[in-house]
Amino acid sequence: MKTPNRVKEDLGEKTFVYEGTQSPDSPELTIWKLLGGDPLGGDPNIPGPVSLTVAVTGRSDLVSSLETTITLAVVRRFGGIP
């Protein structure tokens, strides 16, 4: 999404990183990515975040549409919702 409204912060040397993006077309629509990189788990041979959370804010119809899109992608990829 191309927008000038972005934020990215790194708290504690990648212990917790968050990024937020606001839609230029619907300012109430935001997408947030939260990465937890604290090495309390995971595989030390495979670097990357230990956890990933994505959050969306916006009008109910936009959030519902995104939820449907994600659900269909998961079903296509994995054959169902775990």
PDB file of N, CA and C in Angstrom:
ATOM      1  N   MET A   1       0.846  -1.155   0.000  1.00  0.00           N
ATOM      2  CA  MET A   1       0.000   0.000   0.000  1.00  0.00           C
ATOM      3  C   MET A   1       0.900   1.228   0.000  1.00  0.00           C
ATOM      4  N   LYS A   2       0.744   2.105  -0.952  1.00  0.00           N
ATOM      5  CA  LYS A   2       1.547   3.320  -1.010  1.00  0.00           C
ATOM      6  C   LYS A   2       0.847   4.403  -0.199  1.00  0.00           C
ATOM      7  N   THR A   3       1.490   4.834   0.856  1.00  0.00           N
ATOM      8  CA  THR A   3       0.941   5.881   1.706  1.00  0.00           C
ATOM      9  C   THR A   3       2.068   6.581   2.440  1.00  0.00           C
ATOM     10  N   PRO A   4       1.916   7.869   2.664  1.00  0.00           N
ATOM     11  CA  PRO A   4       2.931   8.564   3.462  1.00  0.00           C
ATOM     12  C   PRO A   4       2.730   8.330   4.955  1.00  0.00           C
ATOM     13  N   ASN A   5       1.607   7.736   5.325  1.00  0.00           N
ATOM     14  CA  ASN A   5       1.272   7.556   6.733  1.00  0.00           C
ATOM     15  C   ASN A   5       1.729   6.188   7.223  1.00  0.00           C
ATOM     16  N   ARG A   6       2.969   6.150   7.688  1.00  0.00           N
ATOM     17  CA  ARG A   6       3.567   4.910   8.179  1.00  0.00           C
ATOM     18  C   ARG A   6       4.313   5.184   9.467  1.00  0.00           C
ATOM     19  N   VAL A   7       4.422   4.149  10.270  1.00  0.00           N
ATOM     20  CA  VAL A   7       5.236   4.216  11.472  1.00  0.00           C
ATOM     21  C   VAL A   7       5.946   2.876  11.627  1.00  0.00           C
ATOM     22  N   LYS A   8       7.188   2.924  12.079  1.00  0.00           N
ATOM     23  CA  LYS A   8       7.929   1.690  12.352  1.00  0.00           C
ATOM     24  C   LYS A   8       8.812   1.960  13.557  1.00  0.00           C
ATOM     25  N   GLU A   9       8.691   1.125  14.567  1.00  0.00           N
ATOM     26  CA  GLU A   9       9.475   1.278  15.784  1.00  0.00           C
ATOM     27  C   GLU A   9      10.092  -0.052  16.179  1.00  0.00           C
ATOM     28  N   ASP A  10      11.267   0.026  16.726  1.00  0.00           N
ATOM     29  CA  ASP A  10      11.999  -1.145  17.203  1.00  0.00           C
ATOM     30  C   ASP A  10      12.299  -0.903  18.677  1.00  0.00           C
ATOM     31  N   LEU A  11      11.690  -1.695  19.529  1.00  0.00           N
ATOM     32  CA  LEU A  11      11.881  -1.548  20.964  1.00  0.00           C
ATOM     33  C   LEU A  11      12.779  -2.662  21.478  1.00  0.00           C
ATOM     34  N   GLY A  12      13.895  -2.321  22.037  1.00  0.00           N
ATOM     35  CA  GLY A  12      14.769  -3.322  22.637  1.00  0.00           C
ATOM     36  C   GLY A  12      15.548  -4.152  21.654  1.00  0.00           C
ATOM     37  N   GLU A  13      16.112  -3.531  20.634  1.00  0.00           N
ATOM     38  CA  GLU A  13      16.943  -4.235  19.654  1.00  0.00           C
ATOM     39  C   GLU A  13      16.248  -5.477  19.081  1.00  0.00           C
ATOM     40  N   LYS A  14      15.102  -5.237  18.486  1.00  0.00           N
ATOM     41  CA  LYS A  14      14.274  -6.254  17.821  1.00  0.00           C
ATOM     42  C   LYS A  14      13.599  -7.222  18.779  1.00  0.00           C
ATOM     43  N   THR A  15      13.554  -6.873  20.074  1.00  0.00           N
ATOM     44  CA  THR A  15      12.765  -7.669  21.011  1.00  0.00           C
ATOM     45  C   THR A  15      11.295  -7.540  20.653  1.00  0.00           C
ATOM     46  N   PHE A  16      10.886  -6.332  20.277  1.00  0.00           N
ATOM     47  CA  PHE A  16       9.505  -6.085  19.849  1.00  0.00           C
ATOM     48  C   PHE A  16       9.555  -4.998  18.781  1.00  0.00           C
ATOM     49  N   VAL A  17       9.062  -5.320  17.596  1.00  0.00           N
ATOM     50  CA  VAL A  17       9.036  -4.380  16.477  1.00  0.00           C
ATOM     51  C   VAL A  17       7.593  -4.248  16.013  1.00  0.00           C
ATOM     52  N   TYR A  18       7.163  -3.015  15.752  1.00  0.00           N
ATOM     53  CA  TYR A  18       5.833  -2.849  15.171  1.00  0.00           C
ATOM     54  C   TYR A  18       5.887  -1.881  14.003  1.00  0.00           C
ATOM     55  N   GLU A  19       4.993  -2.129  13.058  1.00  0.00           N
ATOM     56  CA  GLU A  19       4.852  -1.278  11.884  1.00  0.00           C
ATOM     57  C   GLU A  19       3.368  -1.006  11.675  1.00  0.00           C
ATOM     58  N   GLY A  20       3.039   0.213  11.341  1.00  0.00           N
ATOM     59  CA  GLY A  20       1.661   0.567  11.054  1.00  0.00           C
ATOM     60  C   GLY A  20       1.571   1.339   9.754  1.00  0.00           C
ATOM     61  N   THR A  21       0.512   1.090   8.998  1.00  0.00           N
ATOM     62  CA  THR A  21       0.274   1.770   7.732  1.00  0.00           C
ATOM     63  C   THR A  21      -1.186   2.207   7.691  1.00  0.00           C
ATOM     64  N   GLN A  22      -1.418   3.443   7.271  1.00  0.00           N
ATOM     65  CA  GLN A  22      -2.767   3.969   7.153  1.00  0.00           C
ATOM     66  C   GLN A  22      -3.111   4.135   5.679  1.00  0.00           C
ATOM     67  N   SER A  23      -4.309   3.713   5.306  1.00  0.00           N
ATOM     68  CA  SER A  23      -4.756   3.838   3.921  1.00  0.00           C
ATOM     69  C   SER A  23      -4.942   5.303   3.544  1.00  0.00           C
ATOM     70  N   PRO A  24      -4.436   5.715   2.368  1.00  0.00           N
ATOM     71  CA  PRO A  24      -4.669   7.096   1.923  1.00  0.00           C
ATOM     72  C   PRO A  24      -6.108   7.305   1.465  1.00  0.00           C
ATOM     73  N   ASP A  25      -6.799   6.236   1.077  1.00  0.00           N
ATOM     74  CA  ASP A  25      -8.170   6.343   0.579  1.00  0.00           C
ATOM     75  C   ASP A  25      -9.211   6.265   1.689  1.00  0.00           C
ATOM     76  N   SER A  26      -8.925   5.500   2.737  1.00  0.00           N
ATOM     77  CA  SER A  26      -9.829   5.344   3.873  1.00  0.00           C
ATOM     78  C   SER A  26      -8.989   5.502   5.141  1.00  0.00           C
ATOM     79  N   PRO A  27      -8.877   6.724   5.666  1.00  0.00           N
ATOM     80  CA  PRO A  27      -7.982   6.965   6.792  1.00  0.00           C
ATOM     81  C   PRO A  27      -8.278   6.106   8.022  1.00  0.00           C
ATOM     82  N   GLU A  28      -9.521   5.630   8.142  1.00  0.00           N
ATOM     83  CA  GLU A  28      -9.853   4.783   9.284  1.00  0.00           C
ATOM     84  C   GLU A  28      -9.303   3.361   9.125  1.00  0.00           C
ATOM     85  N   LEU A  29      -8.833   3.015   7.931  1.00  0.00           N
ATOM     86  CA  LEU A  29      -8.283   1.692   7.661  1.00  0.00           C
ATOM     87  C   LEU A  29      -6.785   1.695   7.947  1.00  0.00           C
ATOM     88  N   THR A  30      -6.381   0.898   8.927  1.00  0.00           N
ATOM     89  CA  THR A  30      -4.965   0.767   9.253  1.00  0.00           C
ATOM     90  C   THR A  30      -4.598  -0.710   9.332  1.00  0.00           C
ATOM     91  N   ILE A  31      -3.355  -0.997   9.061  1.00  0.00           N
ATOM     92  CA  ILE A  31      -2.830  -2.359   9.170  1.00  0.00           C
ATOM     93  C   ILE A  31      -1.581  -2.280  10.033  1.00  0.00           C
ATOM     94  N   TRP A  32      -1.514  -3.156  11.022  1.00  0.00           N
ATOM     95  CA  TRP A  32      -0.396  -3.186  11.957  1.00  0.00           C
ATOM     96  C   TRP A  32       0.257  -4.552  11.931  1.00  0.00           C
ATOM     97  N   LYS A  33       1.569  -4.551  11.943  1.00  0.00           N
ATOM     98  CA  LYS A  33       2.339  -5.799  12.024  1.00  0.00           C
ATOM     99  C   LYS A  33       3.188  -5.719  13.291  1.00  0.00           C
ATOM    100  N   LEU A  34       3.029  -6.721  14.141  1.00  0.00           N
ATOM    101  CA  LEU A  34       3.755  -6.782  15.405  1.00  0.00           C
ATOM    102  C   LEU A  34       4.653  -8.005  15.382  1.00  0.00           C
ATOM    103  N   LEU A  35       5.950  -7.788  15.542  1.00  0.00           N
ATOM    104  CA  LEU A  35       6.923  -8.885  15.515  1.00  0.00           C
ATOM    105  C   LEU A  35       7.576  -9.010  16.879  1.00  0.00           C
ATOM    106  N   GLY A  36       7.549 -10.207  17.424  1.00  0.00           N
ATOM    107  CA  GLY A  36       8.260 -10.483  18.669  1.00  0.00           C
ATOM    108  C   GLY A  36       9.488 -11.295  18.343  1.00  0.00           C
ATOM    109  N   GLY A  37      10.658 -10.734  18.529  1.00  0.00           N
ATOM    110  CA  GLY A  37      11.882 -11.414  18.140  1.00  0.00           C
ATOM    111  C   GLY A  37      12.711 -11.900  19.306  1.00  0.00           C
ATOM    112  N   ASP A  38      12.174 -11.811  20.511  1.00  0.00           N
ATOM    113  CA  ASP A  38      12.927 -12.253  21.677  1.00  0.00           C
ATOM    114  C   ASP A  38      13.223 -13.743  21.559  1.00  0.00           C
ATOM    115  N   PRO A  39      14.482 -14.122  21.620  1.00  0.00           N
ATOM    116  CA  PRO A  39      14.838 -15.533  21.394  1.00  0.00           C
ATOM    117  C   PRO A  39      14.522 -16.444  22.576  1.00  0.00           C
ATOM    118  N   LEU A  40      13.243 -16.515  22.946  1.00  0.00           N
ATOM    119  CA  LEU A  40      12.808 -17.416  24.008  1.00  0.00           C
ATOM    120  C   LEU A  40      12.333 -18.746  23.438  1.00  0.00           C
ATOM    121  N   GLY A  41      12.228 -18.821  22.141  1.00  0.00           N
ATOM    122  CA  GLY A  41      11.758 -20.037  21.494  1.00  0.00           C
ATOM    123  C   GLY A  41      12.146 -20.001  20.033  1.00  0.00           C
ATOM    124  N   GLY A  42      11.655 -20.951  19.295  1.00  0.00           N
ATOM    125  CA  GLY A  42      11.989 -21.004  17.885  1.00  0.00           C
ATOM    126  C   GLY A  42      13.267 -21.789  17.661  1.00  0.00           C
ATOM    127  N   ASP A  43      13.679 -21.831  16.431  1.00  0.00           N
ATOM    128  CA  ASP A  43      14.856 -22.591  16.042  1.00  0.00           C
ATOM    129  C   ASP A  43      16.029 -21.644  15.853  1.00  0.00           C
ATOM    130  N   PRO A  44      17.102 -21.771  16.657  1.00  0.00           N
ATOM    131  CA  PRO A  44      18.233 -20.849  16.521  1.00  0.00           C
ATOM    132  C   PRO A  44      18.938 -20.962  15.172  1.00  0.00           C
ATOM    133  N   ASN A  45      18.707 -22.042  14.435  1.00  0.00           N
ATOM    134  CA  ASN A  45      19.313 -22.215  13.120  1.00  0.00           C
ATOM    135  C   ASN A  45      18.505 -21.541  12.007  1.00  0.00           C
ATOM    136  N   ILE A  46      17.304 -21.102  12.339  1.00  0.00           N
ATOM    137  CA  ILE A  46      16.443 -20.437  11.366  1.00  0.00           C
ATOM    138  C   ILE A  46      16.109 -19.063  11.932  1.00  0.00           C
ATOM    139  N   PRO A  47      16.843 -18.027  11.529  1.00  0.00           N
ATOM    140  CA  PRO A  47      16.597 -16.700  12.093  1.00  0.00           C
ATOM    141  C   PRO A  47      15.265 -16.128  11.641  1.00  0.00           C
ATOM    142  N   GLY A  48      14.752 -15.248  12.439  1.00  0.00           N
ATOM    143  CA  GLY A  48      13.499 -14.586  12.117  1.00  0.00           C
ATOM    144  C   GLY A  48      12.701 -14.355  13.370  1.00  0.00           C
ATOM    145  N   PRO A  49      11.573 -13.700  13.223  1.00  0.00           N
ATOM    146  CA  PRO A  49      10.773 -13.396  14.407  1.00  0.00           C
ATOM    147  C   PRO A  49      10.225 -14.668  15.046  1.00  0.00           C
ATOM    148  N   VAL A  50      10.096 -14.607  16.362  1.00  0.00           N
ATOM    149  CA  VAL A  50       9.528 -15.732  17.097  1.00  0.00           C
ATOM    150  C   VAL A  50       8.008 -15.711  16.981  1.00  0.00           C
ATOM    151  N   SER A  51       7.421 -14.521  16.875  1.00  0.00           N
ATOM    152  CA  SER A  51       5.978 -14.413  16.729  1.00  0.00           C
ATOM    153  C   SER A  51       5.639 -13.290  15.760  1.00  0.00           C
ATOM    154  N   LEU A  52       4.484 -13.400  15.146  1.00  0.00           N
ATOM    155  CA  LEU A  52       3.985 -12.389  14.216  1.00  0.00           C
ATOM    156  C   LEU A  52       2.492 -12.246  14.449  1.00  0.00           C
ATOM    157  N   THR A  53       2.040 -11.015  14.630  1.00  0.00           N
ATOM    158  CA  THR A  53       0.626 -10.711  14.768  1.00  0.00           C
ATOM    159  C   THR A  53       0.304  -9.604  13.786  1.00  0.00           C
ATOM    160  N   VAL A  54      -0.831  -9.735  13.106  1.00  0.00           N
ATOM    161  CA  VAL A  54      -1.292  -8.690  12.197  1.00  0.00           C
ATOM    162  C   VAL A  54      -2.656  -8.231  12.700  1.00  0.00           C
ATOM    163  N   ALA A  55      -2.828  -6.921  12.797  1.00  0.00           N
ATOM    164  CA  ALA A  55      -4.100  -6.343  13.239  1.00  0.00           C
ATOM    165  C   ALA A  55      -4.571  -5.334  12.202  1.00  0.00           C
ATOM    166  N   VAL A  56      -5.887  -5.240  12.051  1.00  0.00           N
ATOM    167  CA  VAL A  56      -6.482  -4.326  11.080  1.00  0.00           C
ATOM    168  C   VAL A  56      -7.572  -3.531  11.793  1.00  0.00           C
ATOM    169  N   THR A  57      -7.625  -2.225  11.540  1.00  0.00           N
ATOM    170  CA  THR A  57      -8.726  -1.406  12.025  1.00  0.00           C
ATOM    171  C   THR A  57      -9.406  -0.771  10.824  1.00  0.00           C
ATOM    172  N   GLY A  58     -10.697  -0.507  10.945  1.00  0.00           N
ATOM    173  CA  GLY A  58     -11.407   0.149   9.849  1.00  0.00           C
ATOM    174  C   GLY A  58     -12.888  -0.131   9.914  1.00  0.00           C
ATOM    175  N   ARG A  59     -13.580   0.333   8.878  1.00  0.00           N
ATOM    176  CA  ARG A  59     -15.021   0.077   8.791  1.00  0.00           C
ATOM    177  C   ARG A  59     -15.275  -1.423   8.774  1.00  0.00           C
ATOM    178  N   SER A  60     -16.372  -1.815   9.327  1.00  0.00           N
ATOM    179  CA  SER A  60     -16.724  -3.226   9.441  1.00  0.00           C
ATOM    180  C   SER A  60     -16.711  -3.939   8.091  1.00  0.00           C
ATOM    181  N   ASP A  61     -17.236  -3.303   7.036  1.00  0.00           N
ATOM    182  CA  ASP A  61     -17.280  -3.954   5.733  1.00  0.00           C
ATOM    183  C   ASP A  61     -15.883  -4.182   5.160  1.00  0.00           C
ATOM    184  N   LEU A  62     -14.950  -3.236   5.390  1.00  0.00           N
ATOM    185  CA  LEU A  62     -13.584  -3.411   4.897  1.00  0.00           C
ATOM    186  C   LEU A  62     -12.858  -4.529   5.653  1.00  0.00           C
ATOM    187  N   VAL A  63     -13.026  -4.552   6.969  1.00  0.00           N
ATOM    188  CA  VAL A  63     -12.382  -5.589   7.778  1.00  0.00           C
ATOM    189  C   VAL A  63     -12.969  -6.959   7.442  1.00  0.00           C
ATOM    190  N   SER A  64     -14.283  -7.042   7.261  1.00  0.00           N
ATOM    191  CA  SER A  64     -14.920  -8.313   6.893  1.00  0.00           C
ATOM    192  C   SER A  64     -14.441  -8.806   5.540  1.00  0.00           C
ATOM    193  N   SER A  65     -14.291  -7.895   4.596  1.00  0.00           N
ATOM    194  CA  SER A  65     -13.802  -8.269   3.267  1.00  0.00           C
ATOM    195  C   SER A  65     -12.386  -8.825   3.349  1.00  0.00           C
ATOM    196  N   LEU A  66     -11.535  -8.177   4.132  1.00  0.00           N
ATOM    197  CA  LEU A  66     -10.166  -8.658   4.308  1.00  0.00           C
ATOM    198  C   LEU A  66     -10.154 -10.017   5.001  1.00  0.00           C
ATOM    199  N   GLU A  67     -11.004 -10.188   6.010  1.00  0.00           N
ATOM    200  CA  GLU A  67     -11.083 -11.472   6.712  1.00  0.00           C
ATOM    201  C   GLU A  67     -11.486 -12.590   5.750  1.00  0.00           C
ATOM    202  N   THR A  68     -12.441 -12.323   4.876  1.00  0.00           N
ATOM    203  CA  THR A  68     -12.868 -13.309   3.881  1.00  0.00           C
ATOM    204  C   THR A  68     -11.726 -13.656   2.932  1.00  0.00           C
ATOM    205  N   THR A  69     -11.004 -12.647   2.469  1.00  0.00           N
ATOM    206  CA  THR A  69      -9.869 -12.868   1.569  1.00  0.00           C
ATOM    207  C   THR A  69      -8.803 -13.735   2.228  1.00  0.00           C
ATOM    208  N   ILE A  70      -8.477 -13.438   3.480  1.00  0.00           N
ATOM    209  CA  ILE A  70      -7.467 -14.211   4.203  1.00  0.00           C
ATOM    210  C   ILE A  70      -7.947 -15.638   4.430  1.00  0.00           C
ATOM    211  N   THR A  71      -9.197 -15.800   4.819  1.00  0.00           N
ATOM    212  CA  THR A  71      -9.746 -17.137   5.056  1.00  0.00           C
ATOM    213  C   THR A  71      -9.682 -17.983   3.793  1.00  0.00           C
ATOM    214  N   LEU A  72     -10.074 -17.407   2.659  1.00  0.00           N
ATOM    215  CA  LEU A  72     -10.026 -18.152   1.399  1.00  0.00           C
ATOM    216  C   LEU A  72      -8.590 -18.529   1.036  1.00  0.00           C
ATOM    217  N   ALA A  73      -7.652 -17.639   1.278  1.00  0.00           N
ATOM    218  CA  ALA A  73      -6.241 -17.933   0.980  1.00  0.00           C
ATOM    219  C   ALA A  73      -5.731 -19.077   1.864  1.00  0.00           C
ATOM    220  N   VAL A  74      -6.114 -19.081   3.136  1.00  0.00           N
ATOM    221  CA  VAL A  74      -5.682 -20.153   4.045  1.00  0.00           C
ATOM    222  C   VAL A  74      -6.297 -21.485   3.618  1.00  0.00           C
ATOM    223  N   VAL A  75      -7.572 -21.463   3.253  1.00  0.00           N
ATOM    224  CA  VAL A  75      -8.239 -22.699   2.817  1.00  0.00           C
ATOM    225  C   VAL A  75      -7.583 -23.244   1.557  1.00  0.00           C
ATOM    226  N   ARG A  76      -7.273 -22.347   0.610  1.00  0.00           N
ATOM    227  CA  ARG A  76      -6.606 -22.792  -0.624  1.00  0.00           C
ATOM    228  C   ARG A  76      -5.225 -23.364  -0.326  1.00  0.00           C
ATOM    229  N   ARG A  77      -4.507 -22.737   0.584  1.00  0.00           N
ATOM    230  CA  ARG A  77      -3.132 -23.141   0.863  1.00  0.00           C
ATOM    231  C   ARG A  77      -3.055 -24.398   1.724  1.00  0.00           C
ATOM    232  N   PHE A  78      -3.902 -24.475   2.754  1.00  0.00           N
ATOM    233  CA  PHE A  78      -3.779 -25.543   3.736  1.00  0.00           C
ATOM    234  C   PHE A  78      -4.957 -26.507   3.734  1.00  0.00           C
ATOM    235  N   GLY A  79      -5.986 -26.221   2.963  1.00  0.00           N
ATOM    236  CA  GLY A  79      -7.135 -27.116   2.898  1.00  0.00           C
ATOM    237  C   GLY A  79      -8.124 -26.913   4.028  1.00  0.00           C
ATOM    238  N   GLY A  80      -7.976 -25.890   4.814  1.00  0.00           N
ATOM    239  CA  GLY A  80      -8.903 -25.618   5.900  1.00  0.00           C
ATOM    240  C   GLY A  80      -8.315 -24.645   6.892  1.00  0.00           C
ATOM    241  N   ILE A  81      -9.122 -24.316   7.880  1.00  0.00           N
ATOM    242  CA  ILE A  81      -8.686 -23.413   8.953  1.00  0.00           C
ATOM    243  C   ILE A  81      -8.281 -24.285  10.140  1.00  0.00           C
ATOM    244  N   PRO A  82      -7.033 -24.118  10.592  1.00  0.00           N
ATOM    245  CA  PRO A  82      -6.585 -24.939  11.722  1.00  0.00           C
ATOM    246  C   PRO A  82      -7.345 -24.624  12.997  1.00  0.00           C
TER     247      PRO A  82
END
